[in-house]
């Protein structure tokens, strides 16, 4: 499998190249965001390891450009920026996962394997009422009208749809969608549920996303609340 490493710190790039080569992958490395976008557009890579602070284009910009082109290549952001806002920005730009420096090679490789396994499966289209979500193409629509979703919104909606009818706790949703320690501040979940409701339920007679007070949320095809 071919892995594109985008890292402008030469010592970190060497570390990544060695770890990836020893794991049996074929690494290609570059240190510039604009060149990374050119390489990722011209060649087929199985995964991209992408730093954020880069010359040319930032890692977030590279992500956004690739997703705008329709690329579904798994992207693992690697960066020293560990603020919550930066994590959300990376995921919203289209990244699939986020790892903060310094990290162990074993953790990075485990995250890579998880993303590569996800990319080898063609999951079925999810349908709840008149809402459809295609995990392979990342296309969403309701009532025949396309819905534009950020990467985080997509992951949240997919999880809700895969467990339609079941009440998902706030802890379950935070752990699956973000996989980060929010230090007890889980307001980000309410923000993204609000975003989804605006896109999924607004203008429709039957709201699908329901709040179960004191527990969490569920996606249900009818408007009854148990």
C-alpha atoms as a PDB file:
ATOM      1  CA  UNK A   1       0.000   0.000   0.000  1.00  0.00           C
ATOM      2  CA  UNK A   2       1.209   3.482  -0.885  1.00  0.00           C
ATOM      3  CA  UNK A   3       1.348   6.106   1.863  1.00  0.00           C
ATOM      4  CA  UNK A   4       1.916   9.814   1.201  1.00  0.00           C
ATOM      5  CA  UNK A   5       3.750  11.575   4.054  1.00  0.00           C
ATOM      6  CA  UNK A   6       3.373  15.355   4.081  1.00  0.00           C
ATOM      7  CA  UNK A   7       5.726  16.751   6.739  1.00  0.00           C
ATOM      8  CA  UNK A   8       8.119  19.709   6.542  1.00  0.00           C
ATOM      9  CA  UNK A   9      10.191  18.743   9.602  1.00  0.00           C
ATOM     10  CA  UNK A  10      12.969  16.608   8.126  1.00  0.00           C
ATOM     11  CA  UNK A  11      13.611  14.580  11.300  1.00  0.00           C
ATOM     12  CA  UNK A  12       9.911  13.786  11.775  1.00  0.00           C
ATOM     13  CA  UNK A  13       9.599  12.884   8.085  1.00  0.00           C
ATOM     14  CA  UNK A  14      12.523  10.434   8.392  1.00  0.00           C
ATOM     15  CA  UNK A  15      10.937   8.876  11.485  1.00  0.00           C
ATOM     16  CA  UNK A  16       7.627   8.423   9.670  1.00  0.00           C
ATOM     17  CA  UNK A  17       9.274   7.016   6.541  1.00  0.00           C
ATOM     18  CA  UNK A  18      11.233   4.449   8.553  1.00  0.00           C
ATOM     19  CA  UNK A  19       8.242   3.350  10.652  1.00  0.00           C
ATOM     20  CA  UNK A  20       5.993   3.040   7.596  1.00  0.00           C
ATOM     21  CA  UNK A  21       8.578   1.181   5.511  1.00  0.00           C
ATOM     22  CA  UNK A  22       9.296  -1.245   8.375  1.00  0.00           C
ATOM     23  CA  UNK A  23       5.553  -1.909   8.634  1.00  0.00           C
ATOM     24  CA  UNK A  24       5.527  -3.045   5.001  1.00  0.00           C
ATOM     25  CA  UNK A  25       4.053   0.038   3.333  1.00  0.00           C
ATOM     26  CA  UNK A  26       5.558   2.107   0.509  1.00  0.00           C
ATOM     27  CA  UNK A  27       6.156   5.701   1.653  1.00  0.00           C
ATOM     28  CA  UNK A  28       6.371   8.803  -0.529  1.00  0.00           C
ATOM     29  CA  UNK A  29       7.346  12.013   1.221  1.00  0.00           C
ATOM     30  CA  UNK A  30       7.039  15.720   0.488  1.00  0.00           C
ATOM     31  CA  UNK A  31       7.360  18.874   2.601  1.00  0.00           C
ATOM     32  CA  UNK A  32       5.044  21.322   0.823  1.00  0.00           C
ATOM     33  CA  UNK A  33       1.242  21.562   0.908  1.00  0.00           C
ATOM     34  CA  UNK A  34       0.846  22.592  -2.723  1.00  0.00           C
ATOM     35  CA  UNK A  35       3.117  19.754  -3.885  1.00  0.00           C
ATOM     36  CA  UNK A  36       1.194  17.313  -1.694  1.00  0.00           C
ATOM     37  CA  UNK A  37      -2.054  18.325  -3.370  1.00  0.00           C
ATOM     38  CA  UNK A  38      -0.438  17.877  -6.791  1.00  0.00           C
ATOM     39  CA  UNK A  39       0.891  14.415  -5.879  1.00  0.00           C
ATOM     40  CA  UNK A  40      -2.383  13.272  -4.308  1.00  0.00           C
ATOM     41  CA  UNK A  41      -4.289  14.437  -7.388  1.00  0.00           C
ATOM     42  CA  UNK A  42      -1.940  12.833  -9.907  1.00  0.00           C
ATOM     43  CA  UNK A  43      -1.270   9.525  -8.122  1.00  0.00           C
ATOM     44  CA  UNK A  44      -3.299   6.960  -6.192  1.00  0.00           C
ATOM     45  CA  UNK A  45      -2.399   6.707  -2.528  1.00  0.00           C
ATOM     46  CA  UNK A  46      -4.030   4.405  -0.003  1.00  0.00           C
ATOM     47  CA  UNK A  47      -3.597   6.874   2.866  1.00  0.00           C
ATOM     48  CA  UNK A  48      -2.164  10.334   3.531  1.00  0.00           C
ATOM     49  CA  UNK A  49      -0.321  11.381   6.694  1.00  0.00           C
ATOM     50  CA  UNK A  50      -0.733  15.144   6.715  1.00  0.00           C
ATOM     51  CA  UNK A  51       0.918  17.782   8.888  1.00  0.00           C
ATOM     52  CA  UNK A  52      -1.007  21.030   9.454  1.00  0.00           C
ATOM     53  CA  UNK A  53       1.687  23.735   9.438  1.00  0.00           C
ATOM     54  CA  UNK A  54       3.131  23.499   5.933  1.00  0.00           C
ATOM     55  CA  UNK A  55       4.577  25.884   3.358  1.00  0.00           C
ATOM     56  CA  UNK A  56       2.449  26.461   0.261  1.00  0.00           C
ATOM     57  CA  UNK A  57      -0.892  25.245   1.595  1.00  0.00           C
ATOM     58  CA  UNK A  58      -1.790  24.255   5.147  1.00  0.00           C
ATOM     59  CA  UNK A  59      -2.830  20.692   5.882  1.00  0.00           C
ATOM     60  CA  UNK A  60      -6.410  21.869   6.403  1.00  0.00           C
ATOM     61  CA  UNK A  61      -6.402  23.497   2.961  1.00  0.00           C
ATOM     62  CA  UNK A  62      -5.012  20.344   1.346  1.00  0.00           C
ATOM     63  CA  UNK A  63      -7.821  18.354   3.008  1.00  0.00           C
ATOM     64  CA  UNK A  64     -10.517  20.717   1.797  1.00  0.00           C
ATOM     65  CA  UNK A  65      -9.187  20.727  -1.775  1.00  0.00           C
ATOM     66  CA  UNK A  66      -9.019  16.927  -1.942  1.00  0.00           C
ATOM     67  CA  UNK A  67     -12.534  16.464  -0.575  1.00  0.00           C
ATOM     68  CA  UNK A  68     -13.857  19.138  -2.939  1.00  0.00           C
ATOM     69  CA  UNK A  69     -12.358  17.113  -5.811  1.00  0.00           C
ATOM     70  CA  UNK A  70     -14.255  14.048  -4.594  1.00  0.00           C
ATOM     71  CA  UNK A  71     -11.226  12.214  -3.232  1.00  0.00           C
ATOM     72  CA  UNK A  72     -12.062   9.622  -0.583  1.00  0.00           C
ATOM     73  CA  UNK A  73      -8.478   8.754   0.359  1.00  0.00           C
ATOM     74  CA  UNK A  74      -8.152   8.293   4.140  1.00  0.00           C
ATOM     75  CA  UNK A  75      -6.362  11.268   5.731  1.00  0.00           C
ATOM     76  CA  UNK A  76      -4.654  11.143   9.121  1.00  0.00           C
ATOM     77  CA  UNK A  77      -3.726  14.603  10.422  1.00  0.00           C
ATOM     78  CA  UNK A  78      -0.447  14.714  12.363  1.00  0.00           C
ATOM     79  CA  UNK A  79       0.341  17.907  14.214  1.00  0.00           C
ATOM     80  CA  UNK A  80       1.563  19.525  17.407  1.00  0.00           C
ATOM     81  CA  UNK A  81      -1.621  21.621  17.614  1.00  0.00           C
ATOM     82  CA  UNK A  82      -3.825  19.967  20.229  1.00  0.00           C
ATOM     83  CA  UNK A  83      -6.483  22.638  20.898  1.00  0.00           C
ATOM     84  CA  UNK A  84     -10.060  21.436  20.584  1.00  0.00           C
ATOM     85  CA  UNK A  85     -10.760  24.031  17.883  1.00  0.00           C
ATOM     86  CA  UNK A  86      -7.882  22.687  15.790  1.00  0.00           C
ATOM     87  CA  UNK A  87      -9.155  19.117  16.108  1.00  0.00           C
ATOM     88  CA  UNK A  88     -12.625  20.140  15.014  1.00  0.00           C
ATOM     89  CA  UNK A  89     -11.190  22.215  12.142  1.00  0.00           C
ATOM     90  CA  UNK A  90      -9.187  19.248  10.886  1.00  0.00           C
ATOM     91  CA  UNK A  91     -12.133  16.869  10.980  1.00  0.00           C
ATOM     92  CA  UNK A  92     -14.444  19.421   9.377  1.00  0.00           C
ATOM     93  CA  UNK A  93     -11.880  19.960   6.614  1.00  0.00           C
ATOM     94  CA  UNK A  94     -12.305  16.292   5.706  1.00  0.00           C
ATOM     95  CA  UNK A  95      -9.690  14.455   7.760  1.00  0.00           C
ATOM     96  CA  UNK A  96     -10.616  10.981   8.998  1.00  0.00           C
ATOM     97  CA  UNK A  97      -8.529  10.992  12.163  1.00  0.00           C
ATOM     98  CA  UNK A  98      -6.166  13.220  14.141  1.00  0.00           C
ATOM     99  CA  UNK A  99      -3.013  12.361  16.090  1.00  0.00           C
ATOM    100  CA  UNK A 100      -1.054  14.888  18.165  1.00  0.00           C
ATOM    101  CA  UNK A 101       2.741  15.049  18.358  1.00  0.00           C
ATOM    102  CA  UNK A 102       4.629  13.589  20.092  1.00  0.00           C
ATOM    103  CA  UNK A 103       3.227  10.119  19.473  1.00  0.00           C
ATOM    104  CA  UNK A 104       4.509   6.563  19.389  1.00  0.00           C
ATOM    105  CA  UNK A 105       4.938   4.811  16.059  1.00  0.00           C
ATOM    106  CA  UNK A 106       2.769   1.939  17.312  1.00  0.00           C
ATOM    107  CA  UNK A 107      -0.212   4.246  17.876  1.00  0.00           C
ATOM    108  CA  UNK A 108       0.198   5.889  14.479  1.00  0.00           C
ATOM    109  CA  UNK A 109       0.380   2.524  12.717  1.00  0.00           C
ATOM    110  CA  UNK A 110      -2.700   1.268  14.590  1.00  0.00           C
ATOM    111  CA  UNK A 111      -4.675   4.329  13.475  1.00  0.00           C
ATOM    112  CA  UNK A 112      -3.428   3.823   9.916  1.00  0.00           C
ATOM    113  CA  UNK A 113      -4.546   0.185   9.915  1.00  0.00           C
ATOM    114  CA  UNK A 114      -7.985   1.166  11.177  1.00  0.00           C
ATOM    115  CA  UNK A 115      -8.387   3.740   8.394  1.00  0.00           C
ATOM    116  CA  UNK A 116      -7.075   1.339   5.750  1.00  0.00           C
ATOM    117  CA  UNK A 117      -9.506  -1.384   6.854  1.00  0.00           C
ATOM    118  CA  UNK A 118     -12.355   1.108   6.668  1.00  0.00           C
ATOM    119  CA  UNK A 119     -11.348   2.007   3.125  1.00  0.00           C
ATOM    120  CA  UNK A 120     -11.378  -1.607   1.848  1.00  0.00           C
ATOM    121  CA  UNK A 121     -15.062  -2.229   2.621  1.00  0.00           C
ATOM    122  CA  UNK A 122     -17.943  -0.978   0.461  1.00  0.00           C
ATOM    123  CA  UNK A 123     -20.748  -0.483   2.988  1.00  0.00           C
ATOM    124  CA  UNK A 124     -24.418  -0.562   1.946  1.00  0.00           C
ATOM    125  CA  UNK A 125     -26.508   2.578   1.522  1.00  0.00           C
ATOM    126  CA  UNK A 126     -28.340   3.456   4.737  1.00  0.00           C
ATOM    127  CA  UNK A 127     -32.043   4.337   4.419  1.00  0.00           C
ATOM    128  CA  UNK A 128     -34.280   5.627   7.213  1.00  0.00           C
ATOM    129  CA  UNK A 129     -37.692   6.920   6.099  1.00  0.00           C
ATOM    130  CA  UNK A 130     -36.848   9.226   3.138  1.00  0.00           C
ATOM    131  CA  UNK A 131     -33.300   9.899   4.377  1.00  0.00           C
ATOM    132  CA  UNK A 132     -30.470   8.168   2.492  1.00  0.00           C
ATOM    133  CA  UNK A 133     -26.773   8.067   3.265  1.00  0.00           C
ATOM    134  CA  UNK A 134     -24.163   6.377   1.084  1.00  0.00           C
ATOM    135  CA  UNK A 135     -21.017   5.710   3.164  1.00  0.00           C
ATOM    136  CA  UNK A 136     -19.014   4.823   0.039  1.00  0.00           C
ATOM    137  CA  UNK A 137     -19.604   8.122  -1.776  1.00  0.00           C
ATOM    138  CA  UNK A 138     -20.406  10.147   1.374  1.00  0.00           C
ATOM    139  CA  UNK A 139     -23.557  11.397  -0.343  1.00  0.00           C
ATOM    140  CA  UNK A 140     -26.617  12.269   1.751  1.00  0.00           C
ATOM    141  CA  UNK A 141     -30.113  13.192   0.654  1.00  0.00           C
ATOM    142  CA  UNK A 142     -33.608  13.486   2.066  1.00  0.00           C
ATOM    143  CA  UNK A 143     -36.704  13.446  -0.078  1.00  0.00           C
ATOM    144  CA  UNK A 144     -34.480  13.421  -3.165  1.00  0.00           C
ATOM    145  CA  UNK A 145     -32.662  16.632  -2.194  1.00  0.00           C
ATOM    146  CA  UNK A 146     -28.895  16.443  -1.649  1.00  0.00           C
ATOM    147  CA  UNK A 147     -27.512  17.465   1.730  1.00  0.00           C
ATOM    148  CA  UNK A 148     -23.992  18.865   2.096  1.00  0.00           C
ATOM    149  CA  UNK A 149     -22.338  17.497   5.238  1.00  0.00           C
ATOM    150  CA  UNK A 150     -19.015  18.240   6.871  1.00  0.00           C
ATOM    151  CA  UNK A 151     -16.845  15.249   7.778  1.00  0.00           C
ATOM    152  CA  UNK A 152     -17.946  15.418  11.414  1.00  0.00           C
ATOM    153  CA  UNK A 153     -21.622  15.808  10.539  1.00  0.00           C
ATOM    154  CA  UNK A 154     -21.355  12.798   8.222  1.00  0.00           C
ATOM    155  CA  UNK A 155     -19.771  10.612  10.910  1.00  0.00           C
ATOM    156  CA  UNK A 156     -22.386  11.624  13.472  1.00  0.00           C
ATOM    157  CA  UNK A 157     -25.300  11.016  11.092  1.00  0.00           C
ATOM    158  CA  UNK A 158     -23.897   7.674   9.935  1.00  0.00           C
ATOM    159  CA  UNK A 159     -23.594   6.478  13.542  1.00  0.00           C
ATOM    160  CA  UNK A 160     -27.154   7.559  14.330  1.00  0.00           C
ATOM    161  CA  UNK A 161     -28.487   5.844  11.195  1.00  0.00           C
ATOM    162  CA  UNK A 162     -26.628   2.603  11.861  1.00  0.00           C
ATOM    163  CA  UNK A 163     -28.309   2.499  15.277  1.00  0.00           C
ATOM    164  CA  UNK A 164     -31.706   3.900  14.211  1.00  0.00           C
ATOM    165  CA  UNK A 165     -34.372   3.520  16.878  1.00  0.00           C
ATOM    166  CA  UNK A 166     -31.837   3.011  19.649  1.00  0.00           C
ATOM    167  CA  UNK A 167     -31.066   5.725  22.197  1.00  0.00           C
ATOM    168  CA  UNK A 168     -27.351   6.551  21.954  1.00  0.00           C
ATOM    169  CA  UNK A 169     -25.848   8.084  25.061  1.00  0.00           C
ATOM    170  CA  UNK A 170     -23.837  11.265  24.919  1.00  0.00           C
ATOM    171  CA  UNK A 171     -20.743   9.302  25.954  1.00  0.00           C
ATOM    172  CA  UNK A 172     -21.227   6.809  23.100  1.00  0.00           C
ATOM    173  CA  UNK A 173     -21.616   9.569  20.534  1.00  0.00           C
ATOM    174  CA  UNK A 174     -18.614  11.542  21.777  1.00  0.00           C
ATOM    175  CA  UNK A 175     -16.441   8.437  21.891  1.00  0.00           C
ATOM    176  CA  UNK A 176     -17.390   7.273  18.392  1.00  0.00           C
ATOM    177  CA  UNK A 177     -17.405  10.596  16.545  1.00  0.00           C
ATOM    178  CA  UNK A 178     -14.584  12.498  18.218  1.00  0.00           C
ATOM    179  CA  UNK A 179     -12.578   9.921  20.192  1.00  0.00           C
ATOM    180  CA  UNK A 180     -11.058  12.668  22.289  1.00  0.00           C
ATOM    181  CA  UNK A 181     -11.151  13.632  25.965  1.00  0.00           C
ATOM    182  CA  UNK A 182     -13.284  16.754  26.233  1.00  0.00           C
ATOM    183  CA  UNK A 183     -12.621  17.171  29.945  1.00  0.00           C
ATOM    184  CA  UNK A 184     -16.335  17.019  30.714  1.00  0.00           C
ATOM    185  CA  UNK A 185     -17.224  19.728  28.191  1.00  0.00           C
ATOM    186  CA  UNK A 186     -19.466  17.939  25.711  1.00  0.00           C
ATOM    187  CA  UNK A 187     -21.228  21.011  24.316  1.00  0.00           C
ATOM    188  CA  UNK A 188     -19.671  20.224  20.947  1.00  0.00           C
ATOM    189  CA  UNK A 189     -22.154  17.343  20.620  1.00  0.00           C
ATOM    190  CA  UNK A 190     -25.137  19.665  21.036  1.00  0.00           C
ATOM    191  CA  UNK A 191     -23.664  22.025  18.467  1.00  0.00           C
ATOM    192  CA  UNK A 192     -23.335  19.291  15.848  1.00  0.00           C
ATOM    193  CA  UNK A 193     -26.744  17.793  16.579  1.00  0.00           C
ATOM    194  CA  UNK A 194     -28.144  21.283  16.006  1.00  0.00           C
ATOM    195  CA  UNK A 195     -26.270  21.496  12.688  1.00  0.00           C
ATOM    196  CA  UNK A 196     -27.691  18.127  11.619  1.00  0.00           C
ATOM    197  CA  UNK A 197     -31.233  19.029  12.616  1.00  0.00           C
ATOM    198  CA  UNK A 198     -31.026  22.163  10.511  1.00  0.00           C
ATOM    199  CA  UNK A 199     -29.879  20.149   7.490  1.00  0.00           C
ATOM    200  CA  UNK A 200     -31.872  16.922   7.981  1.00  0.00           C
ATOM    201  CA  UNK A 201     -35.154  17.912   9.619  1.00  0.00           C
ATOM    202  CA  UNK A 202     -35.805  21.554   8.723  1.00  0.00           C
ATOM    203  CA  UNK A 203     -38.700  21.817   6.272  1.00  0.00           C
ATOM    204  CA  UNK A 204     -39.861  18.221   6.798  1.00  0.00           C
ATOM    205  CA  UNK A 205     -43.090  17.240   8.562  1.00  0.00           C
ATOM    206  CA  UNK A 206     -41.442  14.284  10.345  1.00  0.00           C
ATOM    207  CA  UNK A 207     -38.364  15.145  12.414  1.00  0.00           C
ATOM    208  CA  UNK A 208     -35.983  12.195  12.559  1.00  0.00           C
ATOM    209  CA  UNK A 209     -33.471  13.293  15.195  1.00  0.00           C
ATOM    210  CA  UNK A 210     -34.915  13.084  18.697  1.00  0.00           C
ATOM    211  CA  UNK A 211     -33.553  14.167  22.074  1.00  0.00           C
ATOM    212  CA  UNK A 212     -33.979  11.775  24.980  1.00  0.00           C
ATOM    213  CA  UNK A 213     -33.562  14.062  27.967  1.00  0.00           C
ATOM    214  CA  UNK A 214     -30.870  13.102  30.406  1.00  0.00           C
ATOM    215  CA  UNK A 215     -29.588  10.318  28.159  1.00  0.00           C
ATOM    216  CA  UNK A 216     -28.701  11.294  24.604  1.00  0.00           C
ATOM    217  CA  UNK A 217     -30.166  11.162  21.101  1.00  0.00           C
ATOM    218  CA  UNK A 218     -31.737   8.770  18.646  1.00  0.00           C
ATOM    219  CA  UNK A 219     -32.769   8.742  15.025  1.00  0.00           C
ATOM    220  CA  UNK A 220     -36.301   7.423  14.528  1.00  0.00           C
ATOM    221  CA  UNK A 221     -38.440   7.175  11.415  1.00  0.00           C
ATOM    222  CA  UNK A 222     -41.689   8.220  13.084  1.00  0.00           C
ATOM    223  CA  UNK A 223     -42.566  11.227  15.244  1.00  0.00           C
ATOM    224  CA  UNK A 224     -43.514   9.330  18.373  1.00  0.00           C
ATOM    225  CA  UNK A 225     -41.372   9.844  21.434  1.00  0.00           C
ATOM    226  CA  UNK A 226     -41.204   7.013  23.958  1.00  0.00           C
END
